[in-house]
Amino acid sequence: MQEPETQISEHNKLVSPVEERHIDYILEEEFSLNPDFLRFFLEQARLTAIDEGRIVGFADESDCFTVRSATTGKGETDVLVKYGAQNGSLPTAILIEDKIRAGFQRDQAERYRKRGEEGKGKDSSDYWTCLVSHSKYFVDRANSMLS
């Protein structure tokens, strides 16, 4: 029988098989099937947002619509969530980027914001961007995906 310390150190050497697309599927499923998840997600986002006022509340969790790998001429959003449409009004959009092991692409946060602005007034009333990742990605908050 191996010592517990040896087992732990061997376990730490393993690389997780989880990829960004797995996180995308989980988020899509939770937003689509679990009405309480949107409320939880918004509460957690407010705790870490640079400008928590950008994270708009909502009236009815059941109007949440989610698209994985939403692509426009300005690039791809890992997960696009729309919520809060009432009486014919446009919804609020969340443009989510997932990071597990990959670094940021050049101007990635700015491209997310451009996609949000592009949809504002046409597909959404407002938007905010969000990074779902390990805390190591939050070192440079000035250039953060969170807005």
N, C-alpha and C. Protein backbone atom coordinates (compact mmCIF):
# COMPACT_ATOMS: atom_id res chain seq x y z
N MET A 1 0.84 -1.18 0.00
CA MET A 1 0.00 0.00 0.00
C MET A 1 0.89 1.25 0.00
N GLN A 2 0.55 2.21 -0.85
CA GLN A 2 1.34 3.43 -0.94
C GLN A 2 0.95 4.40 0.16
N GLU A 3 1.90 5.24 0.50
CA GLU A 3 1.64 6.29 1.47
C GLU A 3 0.66 7.29 0.87
N PRO A 4 -0.24 7.86 1.65
CA PRO A 4 -1.20 8.85 1.13
C PRO A 4 -0.52 10.03 0.44
N GLU A 5 0.64 10.49 0.96
CA GLU A 5 1.34 11.62 0.34
C GLU A 5 1.77 11.29 -1.08
N THR A 6 2.22 10.06 -1.30
CA THR A 6 2.65 9.64 -2.63
C THR A 6 1.46 9.62 -3.58
N GLN A 7 0.33 9.13 -3.11
CA GLN A 7 -0.87 9.10 -3.94
C GLN A 7 -1.29 10.51 -4.32
N ILE A 8 -1.23 11.43 -3.39
CA ILE A 8 -1.63 12.80 -3.68
C ILE A 8 -0.67 13.44 -4.67
N SER A 9 0.61 13.25 -4.48
CA SER A 9 1.57 13.86 -5.40
C SER A 9 1.44 13.26 -6.80
N GLU A 10 1.17 11.96 -6.91
CA GLU A 10 0.95 11.35 -8.22
C GLU A 10 -0.32 11.91 -8.86
N HIS A 11 -1.35 12.10 -8.06
CA HIS A 11 -2.61 12.67 -8.56
C HIS A 11 -2.39 14.08 -9.09
N ASN A 12 -1.57 14.87 -8.41
CA ASN A 12 -1.31 16.24 -8.83
C ASN A 12 -0.58 16.32 -10.16
N LYS A 13 0.10 15.25 -10.55
CA LYS A 13 0.83 15.23 -11.82
C LYS A 13 -0.11 15.01 -13.01
N LEU A 14 -1.29 14.50 -12.75
CA LEU A 14 -2.24 14.22 -13.83
C LEU A 14 -2.80 15.52 -14.40
N VAL A 15 -3.03 15.52 -15.69
CA VAL A 15 -3.65 16.67 -16.35
C VAL A 15 -5.12 16.34 -16.55
N SER A 16 -5.96 17.24 -16.17
CA SER A 16 -7.39 17.02 -16.30
C SER A 16 -7.79 16.91 -17.77
N PRO A 17 -8.67 15.97 -18.09
CA PRO A 17 -9.15 15.85 -19.46
C PRO A 17 -10.25 16.87 -19.78
N VAL A 18 -10.65 17.67 -18.82
CA VAL A 18 -11.71 18.65 -19.03
C VAL A 18 -11.22 19.74 -19.98
N GLU A 19 -12.04 20.05 -20.96
CA GLU A 19 -11.72 21.07 -21.94
C GLU A 19 -12.77 22.17 -21.88
N GLU A 20 -12.48 23.29 -22.51
CA GLU A 20 -13.42 24.42 -22.51
C GLU A 20 -14.78 24.02 -23.03
N ARG A 21 -14.83 23.18 -24.05
CA ARG A 21 -16.13 22.79 -24.62
C ARG A 21 -16.99 22.05 -23.61
N HIS A 22 -16.36 21.32 -22.68
CA HIS A 22 -17.13 20.64 -21.63
C HIS A 22 -17.82 21.67 -20.73
N ILE A 23 -17.08 22.72 -20.39
CA ILE A 23 -17.66 23.79 -19.57
C ILE A 23 -18.80 24.46 -20.33
N ASP A 24 -18.60 24.68 -21.64
CA ASP A 24 -19.65 25.28 -22.48
C ASP A 24 -20.94 24.46 -22.40
N TYR A 25 -20.82 23.14 -22.54
CA TYR A 25 -22.00 22.27 -22.49
C TYR A 25 -22.68 22.33 -21.13
N ILE A 26 -21.89 22.32 -20.08
CA ILE A 26 -22.46 22.37 -18.73
C ILE A 26 -23.21 23.68 -18.52
N LEU A 27 -22.59 24.80 -18.90
CA LEU A 27 -23.25 26.10 -18.74
C LEU A 27 -24.53 26.17 -19.57
N GLU A 28 -24.46 25.71 -20.81
CA GLU A 28 -25.65 25.73 -21.67
C GLU A 28 -26.78 24.92 -21.03
N GLU A 29 -26.45 23.75 -20.53
CA GLU A 29 -27.48 22.91 -19.91
C GLU A 29 -28.06 23.56 -18.66
N GLU A 30 -27.20 24.09 -17.80
CA GLU A 30 -27.70 24.69 -16.56
C GLU A 30 -28.57 25.92 -16.83
N PHE A 31 -28.12 26.81 -17.73
CA PHE A 31 -28.94 27.98 -18.05
C PHE A 31 -30.27 27.57 -18.68
N SER A 32 -30.24 26.53 -19.51
CA SER A 32 -31.44 26.12 -20.24
C SER A 32 -32.43 25.34 -19.38
N LEU A 33 -31.94 24.53 -18.45
CA LEU A 33 -32.82 23.60 -17.74
C LEU A 33 -33.05 23.92 -16.27
N ASN A 34 -32.24 24.79 -15.71
CA ASN A 34 -32.33 25.07 -14.28
C ASN A 34 -32.62 26.55 -14.07
N PRO A 35 -33.88 26.93 -13.89
CA PRO A 35 -34.22 28.35 -13.74
C PRO A 35 -33.47 29.05 -12.60
N ASP A 36 -33.13 28.34 -11.55
CA ASP A 36 -32.41 28.95 -10.43
C ASP A 36 -30.95 29.25 -10.76
N PHE A 37 -30.39 28.60 -11.78
CA PHE A 37 -28.99 28.79 -12.11
C PHE A 37 -28.71 30.23 -12.56
N LEU A 38 -29.61 30.82 -13.32
CA LEU A 38 -29.42 32.20 -13.76
C LEU A 38 -29.31 33.13 -12.55
N ARG A 39 -30.19 32.97 -11.59
CA ARG A 39 -30.14 33.79 -10.38
C ARG A 39 -28.81 33.60 -9.65
N PHE A 40 -28.39 32.35 -9.49
CA PHE A 40 -27.11 32.04 -8.84
C PHE A 40 -25.95 32.67 -9.62
N PHE A 41 -25.95 32.52 -10.93
CA PHE A 41 -24.87 33.04 -11.76
C PHE A 41 -24.78 34.56 -11.64
N LEU A 42 -25.91 35.24 -11.68
CA LEU A 42 -25.92 36.70 -11.56
C LEU A 42 -25.39 37.15 -10.20
N GLU A 43 -25.80 36.45 -9.15
CA GLU A 43 -25.32 36.79 -7.81
C GLU A 43 -23.81 36.64 -7.72
N GLN A 44 -23.28 35.54 -8.26
CA GLN A 44 -21.84 35.30 -8.21
C GLN A 44 -21.09 36.31 -9.07
N ALA A 45 -21.63 36.65 -10.22
CA ALA A 45 -20.98 37.63 -11.10
C ALA A 45 -20.89 38.99 -10.42
N ARG A 46 -21.93 39.37 -9.70
CA ARG A 46 -21.91 40.66 -9.00
C ARG A 46 -20.80 40.72 -7.95
N LEU A 47 -20.47 39.58 -7.36
CA LEU A 47 -19.42 39.54 -6.33
C LEU A 47 -18.04 39.81 -6.90
N THR A 48 -17.82 39.53 -8.17
CA THR A 48 -16.49 39.66 -8.76
C THR A 48 -16.40 40.72 -9.85
N ALA A 49 -17.50 41.33 -10.21
CA ALA A 49 -17.50 42.29 -11.32
C ALA A 49 -16.74 43.56 -10.98
N ILE A 50 -16.10 44.12 -12.00
CA ILE A 50 -15.44 45.41 -11.85
C ILE A 50 -16.50 46.48 -11.65
N ASP A 51 -17.59 46.39 -12.40
CA ASP A 51 -18.71 47.34 -12.30
C ASP A 51 -19.98 46.53 -12.11
N GLU A 52 -20.33 46.23 -10.86
CA GLU A 52 -21.47 45.35 -10.61
C GLU A 52 -22.79 45.94 -11.11
N GLY A 53 -22.84 47.24 -11.35
CA GLY A 53 -24.04 47.85 -11.91
C GLY A 53 -24.33 47.40 -13.32
N ARG A 54 -23.32 46.89 -14.02
CA ARG A 54 -23.53 46.38 -15.39
C ARG A 54 -24.30 45.07 -15.39
N ILE A 55 -24.30 44.36 -14.29
CA ILE A 55 -24.95 43.05 -14.24
C ILE A 55 -26.41 43.26 -13.86
N VAL A 56 -27.22 43.30 -14.90
CA VAL A 56 -28.63 43.65 -14.78
C VAL A 56 -29.41 42.49 -14.18
N GLY A 57 -30.36 42.80 -13.30
CA GLY A 57 -31.24 41.80 -12.71
C GLY A 57 -32.22 41.30 -13.74
N PHE A 58 -33.20 40.56 -13.28
CA PHE A 58 -34.18 39.99 -14.19
C PHE A 58 -35.48 39.78 -13.45
N ALA A 59 -36.56 39.61 -14.22
CA ALA A 59 -37.88 39.42 -13.62
C ALA A 59 -38.30 37.96 -13.60
N ASP A 60 -37.93 37.20 -14.62
CA ASP A 60 -38.42 35.84 -14.74
C ASP A 60 -37.32 34.93 -15.27
N GLU A 61 -36.90 33.98 -14.46
CA GLU A 61 -35.81 33.09 -14.85
C GLU A 61 -36.19 32.21 -16.03
N SER A 62 -37.48 31.99 -16.25
CA SER A 62 -37.91 31.06 -17.29
C SER A 62 -37.69 31.60 -18.70
N ASP A 63 -37.37 32.88 -18.84
CA ASP A 63 -37.16 33.43 -20.19
C ASP A 63 -35.70 33.38 -20.62
N CYS A 64 -34.89 32.57 -19.97
CA CYS A 64 -33.47 32.46 -20.28
C CYS A 64 -33.27 31.62 -21.54
N PHE A 65 -32.47 32.15 -22.48
CA PHE A 65 -32.17 31.48 -23.74
C PHE A 65 -30.65 31.41 -23.87
N THR A 66 -30.13 30.23 -24.23
CA THR A 66 -28.67 30.04 -24.27
C THR A 66 -28.23 29.42 -25.59
N VAL A 67 -27.12 29.94 -26.14
CA VAL A 67 -26.52 29.40 -27.36
C VAL A 67 -25.04 29.16 -27.09
N ARG A 68 -24.59 27.97 -27.41
CA ARG A 68 -23.18 27.63 -27.28
C ARG A 68 -22.49 27.94 -28.61
N SER A 69 -21.30 28.49 -28.55
CA SER A 69 -20.49 28.82 -29.71
C SER A 69 -21.24 29.74 -30.68
N ALA A 70 -21.64 30.90 -30.17
CA ALA A 70 -22.35 31.89 -30.99
C ALA A 70 -21.32 32.68 -31.79
N THR A 71 -21.44 32.63 -33.13
CA THR A 71 -20.45 33.25 -34.00
C THR A 71 -21.06 34.36 -34.84
N THR A 72 -20.35 35.48 -34.89
CA THR A 72 -20.72 36.60 -35.76
C THR A 72 -19.49 36.95 -36.59
N GLY A 73 -19.60 37.98 -37.41
CA GLY A 73 -18.46 38.45 -38.18
C GLY A 73 -17.33 38.96 -37.30
N LYS A 74 -17.61 39.23 -36.03
CA LYS A 74 -16.61 39.74 -35.10
C LYS A 74 -16.01 38.64 -34.21
N GLY A 75 -16.35 37.37 -34.49
CA GLY A 75 -15.75 36.27 -33.74
C GLY A 75 -16.74 35.40 -33.01
N GLU A 76 -16.20 34.53 -32.16
CA GLU A 76 -17.01 33.55 -31.45
C GLU A 76 -17.12 33.88 -29.97
N THR A 77 -18.33 33.71 -29.44
CA THR A 77 -18.60 33.79 -28.01
C THR A 77 -18.82 32.36 -27.54
N ASP A 78 -18.10 31.93 -26.52
CA ASP A 78 -18.23 30.54 -26.06
C ASP A 78 -19.67 30.20 -25.69
N VAL A 79 -20.28 31.03 -24.85
CA VAL A 79 -21.67 30.82 -24.46
C VAL A 79 -22.36 32.18 -24.44
N LEU A 80 -23.47 32.28 -25.17
CA LEU A 80 -24.27 33.50 -25.20
C LEU A 80 -25.57 33.23 -24.47
N VAL A 81 -25.85 34.03 -23.45
CA VAL A 81 -27.07 33.88 -22.65
C VAL A 81 -27.88 35.15 -22.81
N LYS A 82 -29.18 34.99 -23.04
CA LYS A 82 -30.09 36.15 -23.10
C LYS A 82 -31.20 35.93 -22.08
N TYR A 83 -31.52 37.00 -21.36
CA TYR A 83 -32.54 36.89 -20.30
C TYR A 83 -33.19 38.25 -20.08
N GLY A 84 -34.34 38.24 -19.43
CA GLY A 84 -34.98 39.48 -18.98
C GLY A 84 -35.87 40.18 -19.99
N ALA A 85 -36.21 39.53 -21.10
CA ALA A 85 -37.12 40.16 -22.06
C ALA A 85 -38.54 40.12 -21.49
N GLN A 86 -39.19 41.26 -21.49
CA GLN A 86 -40.57 41.34 -20.98
C GLN A 86 -41.41 42.19 -21.91
N ASN A 87 -42.62 41.75 -22.16
CA ASN A 87 -43.59 42.53 -22.93
C ASN A 87 -43.00 43.05 -24.24
N GLY A 88 -42.29 42.19 -24.95
CA GLY A 88 -41.72 42.58 -26.23
C GLY A 88 -40.41 43.34 -26.16
N SER A 89 -39.88 43.56 -24.96
CA SER A 89 -38.60 44.26 -24.85
C SER A 89 -37.45 43.33 -25.22
N LEU A 90 -36.32 43.91 -25.53
CA LEU A 90 -35.14 43.11 -25.84
C LEU A 90 -34.51 42.58 -24.56
N PRO A 91 -33.91 41.39 -24.62
CA PRO A 91 -33.27 40.82 -23.43
C PRO A 91 -31.90 41.44 -23.16
N THR A 92 -31.36 41.14 -22.00
CA THR A 92 -29.97 41.44 -21.67
C THR A 92 -29.15 40.24 -22.11
N ALA A 93 -27.95 40.47 -22.63
CA ALA A 93 -27.08 39.39 -23.08
C ALA A 93 -25.85 39.27 -22.18
N ILE A 94 -25.45 38.03 -21.93
CA ILE A 94 -24.18 37.74 -21.27
C ILE A 94 -23.32 37.03 -22.31
N LEU A 95 -22.14 37.57 -22.57
CA LEU A 95 -21.19 36.94 -23.49
C LEU A 95 -20.12 36.29 -22.62
N ILE A 96 -20.11 34.96 -22.56
CA ILE A 96 -19.24 34.23 -21.65
C ILE A 96 -18.05 33.62 -22.40
N GLU A 97 -16.86 33.85 -21.87
CA GLU A 97 -15.63 33.23 -22.35
C GLU A 97 -15.15 32.27 -21.27
N ASP A 98 -14.83 31.03 -21.67
CA ASP A 98 -14.28 30.04 -20.75
C ASP A 98 -12.78 29.93 -20.96
N LYS A 99 -12.06 29.78 -19.87
CA LYS A 99 -10.62 29.53 -19.93
C LYS A 99 -10.28 28.41 -18.95
N ILE A 100 -9.52 27.43 -19.43
CA ILE A 100 -9.03 26.37 -18.54
C ILE A 100 -7.50 26.39 -18.55
N ARG A 101 -6.91 26.18 -19.72
CA ARG A 101 -5.45 26.17 -19.81
C ARG A 101 -4.91 27.15 -20.84
N ALA A 102 -5.73 27.56 -21.77
CA ALA A 102 -5.27 28.44 -22.85
C ALA A 102 -5.12 29.88 -22.37
N GLY A 103 -4.20 30.59 -22.99
CA GLY A 103 -4.03 32.00 -22.69
C GLY A 103 -5.04 32.83 -23.47
N PHE A 104 -5.11 34.11 -23.15
CA PHE A 104 -5.98 35.00 -23.90
C PHE A 104 -5.43 35.23 -25.29
N GLN A 105 -6.33 35.35 -26.24
CA GLN A 105 -5.92 35.72 -27.59
C GLN A 105 -5.76 37.24 -27.62
N ARG A 106 -5.02 37.71 -28.58
CA ARG A 106 -4.81 39.14 -28.73
C ARG A 106 -6.15 39.86 -28.86
N ASP A 107 -6.37 40.90 -28.06
CA ASP A 107 -7.57 41.74 -28.08
C ASP A 107 -8.86 40.95 -27.85
N GLN A 108 -8.78 39.81 -27.19
CA GLN A 108 -9.95 38.97 -27.00
C GLN A 108 -11.06 39.66 -26.22
N ALA A 109 -10.72 40.31 -25.13
CA ALA A 109 -11.74 41.00 -24.33
C ALA A 109 -12.40 42.11 -25.14
N GLU A 110 -11.62 42.85 -25.90
CA GLU A 110 -12.17 43.93 -26.73
C GLU A 110 -13.09 43.39 -27.81
N ARG A 111 -12.74 42.25 -28.40
CA ARG A 111 -13.61 41.65 -29.43
C ARG A 111 -14.94 41.21 -28.82
N TYR A 112 -14.91 40.72 -27.60
CA TYR A 112 -16.16 40.35 -26.92
C TYR A 112 -17.03 41.61 -26.75
N ARG A 113 -16.41 42.69 -26.31
CA ARG A 113 -17.17 43.93 -26.13
C ARG A 113 -17.74 44.43 -27.45
N LYS A 114 -16.98 44.31 -28.53
CA LYS A 114 -17.48 44.73 -29.85
C LYS A 114 -18.69 43.90 -30.27
N ARG A 115 -18.65 42.59 -29.99
CA ARG A 115 -19.81 41.75 -30.31
C ARG A 115 -21.01 42.16 -29.47
N GLY A 116 -20.78 42.50 -28.22
CA GLY A 116 -21.87 42.96 -27.36
C GLY A 116 -22.47 44.26 -27.89
N GLU A 117 -21.61 45.20 -28.27
CA GLU A 117 -22.09 46.47 -28.82
C GLU A 117 -22.83 46.28 -30.14
N GLU A 118 -22.34 45.35 -30.96
CA GLU A 118 -22.97 45.07 -32.24
C GLU A 118 -24.42 44.60 -32.06
N GLY A 119 -24.67 43.80 -31.03
CA GLY A 119 -26.02 43.29 -30.79
C GLY A 119 -26.92 44.23 -30.02
N LYS A 120 -26.32 45.22 -29.37
CA LYS A 120 -27.09 46.14 -28.53
C LYS A 120 -28.06 46.96 -29.38
N GLY A 121 -29.33 46.92 -29.00
CA GLY A 121 -30.37 47.64 -29.73
C GLY A 121 -31.00 46.81 -30.83
N LYS A 122 -30.33 45.71 -31.24
CA LYS A 122 -30.90 44.82 -32.26
C LYS A 122 -31.33 43.49 -31.64
N ASP A 123 -30.38 42.82 -30.97
CA ASP A 123 -30.64 41.51 -30.38
C ASP A 123 -30.75 41.56 -28.86
N SER A 124 -30.29 42.66 -28.27
CA SER A 124 -30.32 42.80 -26.82
C SER A 124 -30.47 44.27 -26.44
N SER A 125 -31.01 44.50 -25.26
CA SER A 125 -31.13 45.88 -24.77
C SER A 125 -29.80 46.34 -24.18
N ASP A 126 -29.07 45.41 -23.61
CA ASP A 126 -27.76 45.68 -23.02
C ASP A 126 -27.01 44.36 -22.96
N TYR A 127 -25.77 44.40 -22.55
CA TYR A 127 -24.96 43.19 -22.47
C TYR A 127 -23.90 43.39 -21.40
N TRP A 128 -23.30 42.28 -21.00
CA TRP A 128 -22.09 42.31 -20.21
C TRP A 128 -21.28 41.06 -20.56
N THR A 129 -19.98 41.17 -20.38
CA THR A 129 -19.08 40.06 -20.69
C THR A 129 -18.62 39.41 -19.40
N CYS A 130 -18.30 38.12 -19.50
CA CYS A 130 -17.96 37.38 -18.30
C CYS A 130 -16.92 36.31 -18.62
N LEU A 131 -15.94 36.19 -17.76
CA LEU A 131 -14.92 35.15 -17.86
C LEU A 131 -15.23 34.08 -16.82
N VAL A 132 -15.33 32.83 -17.26
CA VAL A 132 -15.50 31.69 -16.37
C VAL A 132 -14.17 30.95 -16.40
N SER A 133 -13.44 30.99 -15.28
CA SER A 133 -12.09 30.43 -15.28
C SER A 133 -11.57 30.24 -13.87
N HIS A 134 -10.38 29.70 -13.81
CA HIS A 134 -9.62 29.62 -12.57
C HIS A 134 -9.18 31.05 -12.22
N SER A 135 -8.96 31.32 -10.96
CA SER A 135 -8.58 32.66 -10.52
C SER A 135 -7.26 33.15 -11.10
N LYS A 136 -6.40 32.27 -11.60
CA LYS A 136 -5.12 32.71 -12.17
C LYS A 136 -5.32 33.63 -13.37
N TYR A 137 -6.49 33.60 -13.99
CA TYR A 137 -6.78 34.46 -15.14
C TYR A 137 -7.19 35.87 -14.74
N PHE A 138 -7.35 36.13 -13.45
CA PHE A 138 -7.81 37.43 -12.99
C PHE A 138 -6.69 38.37 -12.58
N VAL A 139 -5.46 38.05 -12.91
CA VAL A 139 -4.31 38.85 -12.51
C VAL A 139 -4.41 40.27 -13.05
N ASP A 140 -4.74 40.42 -14.31
CA ASP A 140 -4.79 41.74 -14.95
C ASP A 140 -6.24 42.18 -15.08
N ARG A 141 -6.82 42.71 -14.01
CA ARG A 141 -8.23 43.10 -14.03
C ARG A 141 -8.51 44.27 -14.97
N ALA A 142 -7.51 45.06 -15.27
CA ALA A 142 -7.71 46.19 -16.18
C ALA A 142 -8.09 45.72 -17.57
N ASN A 143 -7.58 44.57 -17.99
CA ASN A 143 -7.88 44.03 -19.31
C ASN A 143 -8.78 42.81 -19.20
N SER A 144 -9.54 42.75 -18.14
CA SER A 144 -10.36 41.58 -17.84
C SER A 144 -11.54 41.43 -18.79
N MET A 145 -12.04 40.21 -18.90
CA MET A 145 -13.26 39.94 -19.66
C MET A 145 -14.48 40.44 -18.91
N LEU A 146 -14.36 40.58 -17.59
CA LEU A 146 -15.50 41.00 -16.80
C LEU A 146 -15.80 42.48 -17.03
N SER A 147 -17.01 42.78 -17.38
CA SER A 147 -17.40 44.18 -17.53
C SER A 147 -18.84 44.37 -17.13
